[in-house]
Amino acid sequence: MSNPVNFVNTYTAAITALVNQLNTLQALNAQLTDDPTLVTRYFATASFGQAPNLVPRTDIVAADITNAQAAIVQMLFTFNSGSPTNGSQLYKVTP
């Protein structure tokens, strides 16, 4: 049997991380909405002479980002749905 104190502490830490990541993704999705050219410009970026972390990925295409954005919108919809909202239920257990 698991140690209940360790379990609940780990569980609530994971919820806190999830809430933080959802908030970050919400802000990033808003940025994509505000500037829909970001993805197109990303894939148009020349990779010559740039640091490795500035080189565009070659294993994905713009449609992959668009599909991910749509999936995140659905996740955020679920997070913000309900009465009380699902998000508020998660916030209750965050420090």
Protein backbone atom coordinates (compact mmCIF):
# COMPACT_ATOMS: atom_id res chain seq x y z
CA MET A 1 0.00 0.00 0.00
CA SER A 2 1.22 3.50 -0.79
CA ASN A 3 2.09 6.00 1.86
CA PRO A 4 -0.96 8.30 1.86
CA VAL A 5 1.01 11.43 2.77
CA ASN A 6 3.50 10.90 -0.06
CA PHE A 7 0.70 10.01 -2.45
CA VAL A 8 -1.45 13.08 -1.75
CA ASN A 9 1.58 15.39 -1.79
CA THR A 10 2.68 13.97 -5.15
CA TYR A 11 -0.88 14.07 -6.50
CA THR A 12 -1.46 17.71 -5.55
CA ALA A 13 1.99 18.68 -6.87
CA ALA A 14 1.04 17.13 -10.23
CA ILE A 15 -2.27 19.03 -10.20
CA THR A 16 -0.39 22.26 -9.49
CA ALA A 17 1.96 21.55 -12.41
CA LEU A 18 -1.02 20.79 -14.67
CA VAL A 19 -2.80 24.03 -13.73
CA ASN A 20 0.40 26.01 -14.31
CA GLN A 21 0.93 24.40 -17.72
CA LEU A 22 -2.70 24.99 -18.74
CA ASN A 23 -2.34 28.65 -17.80
CA THR A 24 0.87 28.87 -19.84
CA LEU A 25 -0.80 27.15 -22.81
CA GLN A 26 -3.79 29.50 -22.56
CA ALA A 27 -1.46 32.50 -22.82
CA LEU A 28 0.48 30.94 -25.71
CA ASN A 29 -2.73 30.05 -27.56
CA ALA A 30 -3.87 33.64 -27.14
CA GLN A 31 -0.60 34.76 -28.71
CA LEU A 32 -1.23 32.45 -31.69
CA THR A 33 -4.71 33.92 -32.02
CA ASP A 34 -3.36 37.47 -31.84
CA ASP A 35 -0.64 36.75 -34.42
CA PRO A 36 -1.64 33.85 -36.69
CA THR A 37 1.53 34.41 -38.77
CA LEU A 38 3.76 33.04 -35.99
CA VAL A 39 3.56 29.46 -37.24
CA THR A 40 4.05 30.38 -40.90
CA ARG A 41 7.02 32.57 -40.02
CA TYR A 42 8.47 29.80 -37.85
CA PHE A 43 8.57 27.37 -40.75
CA ALA A 44 9.92 30.08 -43.06
CA THR A 45 12.86 30.81 -40.73
CA ALA A 46 16.25 30.05 -42.24
CA SER A 47 18.30 27.82 -39.96
CA PHE A 48 21.75 28.80 -41.21
CA GLY A 49 24.14 30.28 -38.67
CA GLN A 50 21.71 30.10 -35.75
CA ALA A 51 22.17 28.50 -32.37
CA PRO A 52 20.76 24.93 -32.20
CA ASN A 53 17.70 25.97 -30.17
CA LEU A 54 16.79 28.51 -32.86
CA VAL A 55 16.66 26.01 -35.70
CA PRO A 56 13.09 25.16 -36.81
CA ARG A 57 12.04 21.56 -36.26
CA THR A 58 11.85 19.40 -39.35
CA ASP A 59 9.76 16.58 -37.88
CA ILE A 60 6.55 18.63 -37.80
CA VAL A 61 4.58 20.81 -40.21
CA ALA A 62 2.34 23.84 -39.67
CA ALA A 63 -0.77 21.63 -39.62
CA ASP A 64 0.64 19.80 -36.60
CA ILE A 65 0.81 23.08 -34.66
CA THR A 66 -2.71 24.01 -35.81
CA ASN A 67 -4.03 20.61 -34.71
CA ALA A 68 -2.27 20.94 -31.34
CA GLN A 69 -3.75 24.41 -30.90
CA ALA A 70 -7.25 23.04 -31.56
CA ALA A 71 -6.69 20.23 -29.06
CA ILE A 72 -5.50 22.72 -26.44
CA VAL A 73 -8.60 24.85 -27.04
CA GLN A 74 -10.72 21.78 -26.23
CA MET A 75 -8.69 21.02 -23.10
CA LEU A 76 -9.06 24.62 -21.93
CA PHE A 77 -12.79 24.48 -22.65
CA THR A 78 -13.05 21.47 -20.36
CA PHE A 79 -10.86 23.16 -17.74
CA ASN A 80 -13.13 26.22 -17.75
CA SER A 81 -16.43 24.28 -17.91
CA GLY A 82 -18.74 23.17 -15.16
CA SER A 83 -20.36 24.82 -12.19
CA PRO A 84 -18.16 25.23 -10.30
CA THR A 85 -15.61 25.03 -13.07
CA ASN A 86 -13.27 22.08 -13.33
CA GLY A 87 -10.41 24.54 -13.02
CA SER A 88 -11.72 25.90 -9.73
CA GLN A 89 -11.91 22.35 -8.37
CA LEU A 90 -8.25 21.89 -9.26
CA TYR A 91 -7.24 25.28 -7.84
CA LYS A 92 -8.68 24.23 -4.46
CA VAL A 93 -5.84 21.75 -3.95
CA THR A 94 -3.01 23.95 -5.22
CA PRO A 95 -0.89 25.79 -2.66
